[in-house]
Amino acid sequence: MVHYVGIKNMRQLETFHNETLGKLIDSPAFLKAMDNLGISRGDLVRRTLEEFKEDGASEEVVQVRFKFYQNRMMQTVNKLLEER
């Protein structure tokens, strides 16, 4: 059994996106984990802070939205890694 170590911060999440996701995304175990959890490839697409800016949204609102997205992405990735 492989010992699962979760992603705990944004640096680790960034490293996962840059170095690991491309290697895992087509593996049978990772695809099965995605299917089991109802997660699509689109759910794993990295978004930038700029994508959360909308007309009239204050910088504070944009930051809150982006932070929520980052935390949710970290949870999603951790669920996938644990499931596989």
N, C-alpha and C. Protein backbone atom coordinates (compact mmCIF):
# COMPACT_ATOMS: atom_id res chain seq x y z
N MET A 1 0.83 -1.19 0.00
CA MET A 1 0.00 0.00 0.00
C MET A 1 0.88 1.25 0.00
N VAL A 2 0.55 2.21 -0.83
CA VAL A 2 1.29 3.45 -0.93
C VAL A 2 0.82 4.40 0.15
N HIS A 3 1.78 5.00 0.85
CA HIS A 3 1.42 5.98 1.88
C HIS A 3 1.04 7.30 1.20
N TYR A 4 -0.13 7.77 1.51
CA TYR A 4 -0.65 9.00 0.92
C TYR A 4 -0.22 10.20 1.74
N VAL A 5 0.39 11.17 1.07
CA VAL A 5 0.78 12.43 1.72
C VAL A 5 0.02 13.54 0.99
N GLY A 6 -0.82 14.24 1.71
CA GLY A 6 -1.68 15.25 1.10
C GLY A 6 -0.96 16.55 0.77
N ILE A 7 -1.59 17.31 -0.10
CA ILE A 7 -1.13 18.64 -0.44
C ILE A 7 -1.64 19.58 0.65
N LYS A 8 -0.71 20.30 1.25
CA LYS A 8 -1.08 21.11 2.41
C LYS A 8 -0.98 22.61 2.18
N ASN A 9 -0.36 23.03 1.08
CA ASN A 9 -0.23 24.47 0.85
C ASN A 9 -0.20 24.76 -0.64
N MET A 10 -0.25 26.03 -0.96
CA MET A 10 -0.35 26.44 -2.37
C MET A 10 0.93 26.12 -3.15
N ARG A 11 2.07 26.15 -2.50
CA ARG A 11 3.32 25.80 -3.19
C ARG A 11 3.27 24.35 -3.65
N GLN A 12 2.79 23.47 -2.78
CA GLN A 12 2.66 22.05 -3.14
C GLN A 12 1.64 21.87 -4.26
N LEU A 13 0.55 22.63 -4.21
CA LEU A 13 -0.46 22.53 -5.26
C LEU A 13 0.14 22.99 -6.59
N GLU A 14 0.90 24.06 -6.58
CA GLU A 14 1.55 24.57 -7.79
C GLU A 14 2.52 23.52 -8.36
N THR A 15 3.29 22.91 -7.48
CA THR A 15 4.21 21.86 -7.90
C THR A 15 3.45 20.68 -8.50
N PHE A 16 2.34 20.31 -7.88
CA PHE A 16 1.51 19.24 -8.41
C PHE A 16 1.05 19.57 -9.82
N HIS A 17 0.54 20.78 -10.02
CA HIS A 17 0.07 21.17 -11.36
C HIS A 17 1.22 21.19 -12.37
N ASN A 18 2.38 21.68 -11.96
CA ASN A 18 3.50 21.83 -12.89
C ASN A 18 4.24 20.54 -13.18
N GLU A 19 4.35 19.66 -12.19
CA GLU A 19 5.23 18.51 -12.34
C GLU A 19 4.55 17.14 -12.30
N THR A 20 3.42 17.04 -11.65
CA THR A 20 2.84 15.72 -11.39
C THR A 20 1.58 15.44 -12.19
N LEU A 21 0.70 16.41 -12.31
CA LEU A 21 -0.59 16.17 -12.94
C LEU A 21 -0.46 15.59 -14.34
N GLY A 22 0.45 16.12 -15.14
CA GLY A 22 0.64 15.63 -16.50
C GLY A 22 1.03 14.16 -16.56
N LYS A 23 1.74 13.70 -15.53
CA LYS A 23 2.16 12.30 -15.47
C LYS A 23 1.03 11.38 -15.02
N LEU A 24 0.12 11.91 -14.22
CA LEU A 24 -0.95 11.09 -13.64
C LEU A 24 -2.24 11.08 -14.44
N ILE A 25 -2.51 12.15 -15.17
CA ILE A 25 -3.84 12.39 -15.73
C ILE A 25 -4.34 11.26 -16.64
N ASP A 26 -3.43 10.53 -17.25
CA ASP A 26 -3.85 9.44 -18.13
C ASP A 26 -3.63 8.06 -17.53
N SER A 27 -3.20 8.00 -16.28
CA SER A 27 -2.97 6.69 -15.67
C SER A 27 -4.33 6.05 -15.34
N PRO A 28 -4.43 4.75 -15.49
CA PRO A 28 -5.70 4.07 -15.20
C PRO A 28 -6.20 4.32 -13.78
N ALA A 29 -5.30 4.30 -12.81
CA ALA A 29 -5.72 4.50 -11.41
C ALA A 29 -6.26 5.90 -11.19
N PHE A 30 -5.62 6.89 -11.79
CA PHE A 30 -6.06 8.28 -11.63
C PHE A 30 -7.39 8.50 -12.35
N LEU A 31 -7.52 7.94 -13.54
CA LEU A 31 -8.78 8.06 -14.27
C LEU A 31 -9.93 7.39 -13.52
N LYS A 32 -9.64 6.25 -12.91
CA LYS A 32 -10.66 5.56 -12.13
C LYS A 32 -11.04 6.39 -10.90
N ALA A 33 -10.06 6.99 -10.26
CA ALA A 33 -10.34 7.86 -9.11
C ALA A 33 -11.20 9.04 -9.53
N MET A 34 -10.89 9.64 -10.68
CA MET A 34 -11.69 10.76 -11.19
C MET A 34 -13.13 10.30 -11.43
N ASP A 35 -13.27 9.14 -12.05
CA ASP A 35 -14.60 8.61 -12.33
C ASP A 35 -15.36 8.31 -11.03
N ASN A 36 -14.69 7.67 -10.08
CA ASN A 36 -15.32 7.33 -8.79
C ASN A 36 -15.82 8.57 -8.06
N LEU A 37 -15.06 9.67 -8.16
CA LEU A 37 -15.40 10.89 -7.43
C LEU A 37 -16.21 11.89 -8.26
N GLY A 38 -16.44 11.57 -9.53
CA GLY A 38 -17.21 12.48 -10.37
C GLY A 38 -16.46 13.75 -10.72
N ILE A 39 -15.15 13.64 -10.87
CA ILE A 39 -14.30 14.79 -11.18
C ILE A 39 -13.88 14.70 -12.63
N SER A 40 -14.03 15.79 -13.36
CA SER A 40 -13.64 15.83 -14.76
C SER A 40 -12.28 16.51 -14.92
N ARG A 41 -11.69 16.36 -16.09
CA ARG A 41 -10.43 17.06 -16.37
C ARG A 41 -10.60 18.57 -16.21
N GLY A 42 -11.77 19.06 -16.59
CA GLY A 42 -12.03 20.49 -16.47
C GLY A 42 -11.98 20.98 -15.03
N ASP A 43 -12.31 20.10 -14.10
CA ASP A 43 -12.25 20.46 -12.68
C ASP A 43 -10.82 20.66 -12.20
N LEU A 44 -9.85 20.17 -12.97
CA LEU A 44 -8.44 20.26 -12.58
C LEU A 44 -7.69 21.36 -13.32
N VAL A 45 -8.38 22.11 -14.15
CA VAL A 45 -7.74 23.18 -14.90
C VAL A 45 -7.37 24.31 -13.95
N ARG A 46 -6.13 24.74 -14.04
CA ARG A 46 -5.65 25.82 -13.20
C ARG A 46 -6.21 27.16 -13.69
N ARG A 47 -6.67 27.96 -12.75
CA ARG A 47 -7.20 29.29 -13.08
C ARG A 47 -6.32 30.35 -12.44
N THR A 48 -6.29 31.52 -13.06
CA THR A 48 -5.47 32.61 -12.54
C THR A 48 -6.35 33.61 -11.80
N LEU A 49 -5.72 34.45 -11.02
CA LEU A 49 -6.43 35.50 -10.29
C LEU A 49 -7.23 36.37 -11.25
N GLU A 50 -6.67 36.65 -12.39
CA GLU A 50 -7.33 37.51 -13.39
C GLU A 50 -8.69 36.96 -13.81
N GLU A 51 -8.84 35.65 -13.81
CA GLU A 51 -10.09 35.03 -14.22
C GLU A 51 -11.23 35.28 -13.23
N PHE A 52 -10.91 35.74 -12.05
CA PHE A 52 -11.92 35.99 -11.04
C PHE A 52 -12.35 37.45 -10.98
N LYS A 53 -11.72 38.26 -11.81
CA LYS A 53 -12.08 39.68 -11.85
C LYS A 53 -13.27 39.87 -12.77
N GLU A 54 -14.27 40.52 -12.26
CA GLU A 54 -15.46 40.84 -13.04
C GLU A 54 -15.72 42.33 -12.91
N ASP A 55 -16.45 42.88 -13.85
CA ASP A 55 -16.78 44.30 -13.79
C ASP A 55 -17.44 44.63 -12.46
N GLY A 56 -16.87 45.61 -11.79
CA GLY A 56 -17.47 46.09 -10.55
C GLY A 56 -17.07 45.34 -9.30
N ALA A 57 -16.38 44.21 -9.43
CA ALA A 57 -15.97 43.45 -8.25
C ALA A 57 -14.76 44.13 -7.61
N SER A 58 -14.84 44.32 -6.30
CA SER A 58 -13.71 44.93 -5.59
C SER A 58 -12.55 43.94 -5.53
N GLU A 59 -11.36 44.47 -5.28
CA GLU A 59 -10.18 43.62 -5.17
C GLU A 59 -10.35 42.61 -4.02
N GLU A 60 -11.01 43.03 -2.97
CA GLU A 60 -11.26 42.13 -1.83
C GLU A 60 -12.13 40.95 -2.24
N VAL A 61 -13.18 41.21 -3.00
CA VAL A 61 -14.07 40.15 -3.47
C VAL A 61 -13.31 39.20 -4.41
N VAL A 62 -12.50 39.76 -5.27
CA VAL A 62 -11.71 38.94 -6.19
C VAL A 62 -10.77 38.03 -5.41
N GLN A 63 -10.12 38.57 -4.38
CA GLN A 63 -9.20 37.78 -3.56
C GLN A 63 -9.94 36.65 -2.83
N VAL A 64 -11.12 36.95 -2.30
CA VAL A 64 -11.91 35.93 -1.60
C VAL A 64 -12.31 34.82 -2.57
N ARG A 65 -12.75 35.19 -3.75
CA ARG A 65 -13.14 34.19 -4.75
C ARG A 65 -11.96 33.31 -5.12
N PHE A 66 -10.80 33.92 -5.34
CA PHE A 66 -9.60 33.19 -5.75
C PHE A 66 -9.14 32.26 -4.63
N LYS A 67 -9.16 32.73 -3.40
CA LYS A 67 -8.75 31.91 -2.25
C LYS A 67 -9.70 30.71 -2.10
N PHE A 68 -10.99 30.94 -2.28
CA PHE A 68 -11.96 29.85 -2.22
C PHE A 68 -11.65 28.81 -3.29
N TYR A 69 -11.38 29.27 -4.52
CA TYR A 69 -11.02 28.37 -5.62
C TYR A 69 -9.77 27.56 -5.27
N GLN A 70 -8.74 28.23 -4.74
CA GLN A 70 -7.50 27.54 -4.41
C GLN A 70 -7.74 26.45 -3.35
N ASN A 71 -8.50 26.78 -2.34
CA ASN A 71 -8.79 25.80 -1.28
C ASN A 71 -9.59 24.63 -1.82
N ARG A 72 -10.55 24.92 -2.67
CA ARG A 72 -11.38 23.87 -3.27
C ARG A 72 -10.53 22.97 -4.17
N MET A 73 -9.61 23.56 -4.93
CA MET A 73 -8.72 22.79 -5.80
C MET A 73 -7.83 21.87 -4.96
N MET A 74 -7.32 22.40 -3.85
CA MET A 74 -6.49 21.59 -2.98
C MET A 74 -7.28 20.40 -2.43
N GLN A 75 -8.52 20.63 -2.03
CA GLN A 75 -9.38 19.55 -1.54
C GLN A 75 -9.63 18.51 -2.63
N THR A 76 -9.91 18.98 -3.82
CA THR A 76 -10.19 18.08 -4.95
C THR A 76 -8.98 17.20 -5.26
N VAL A 77 -7.81 17.82 -5.34
CA VAL A 77 -6.59 17.07 -5.64
C VAL A 77 -6.31 16.06 -4.53
N ASN A 78 -6.47 16.47 -3.29
CA ASN A 78 -6.23 15.55 -2.18
C ASN A 78 -7.19 14.37 -2.22
N LYS A 79 -8.45 14.61 -2.54
CA LYS A 79 -9.41 13.51 -2.66
C LYS A 79 -8.99 12.54 -3.75
N LEU A 80 -8.55 13.09 -4.88
CA LEU A 80 -8.10 12.23 -5.98
C LEU A 80 -6.88 11.41 -5.60
N LEU A 81 -5.91 12.03 -4.98
CA LEU A 81 -4.70 11.32 -4.61
C LEU A 81 -4.98 10.24 -3.58
N GLU A 82 -5.87 10.52 -2.67
CA GLU A 82 -6.25 9.53 -1.67
C GLU A 82 -7.03 8.36 -2.31
N GLU A 83 -7.91 8.67 -3.23
CA GLU A 83 -8.75 7.67 -3.87
C GLU A 83 -7.94 6.71 -4.74
N ARG A 84 -6.92 7.23 -5.42
CA ARG A 84 -6.17 6.37 -6.32
C ARG A 84 -5.29 5.44 -5.55
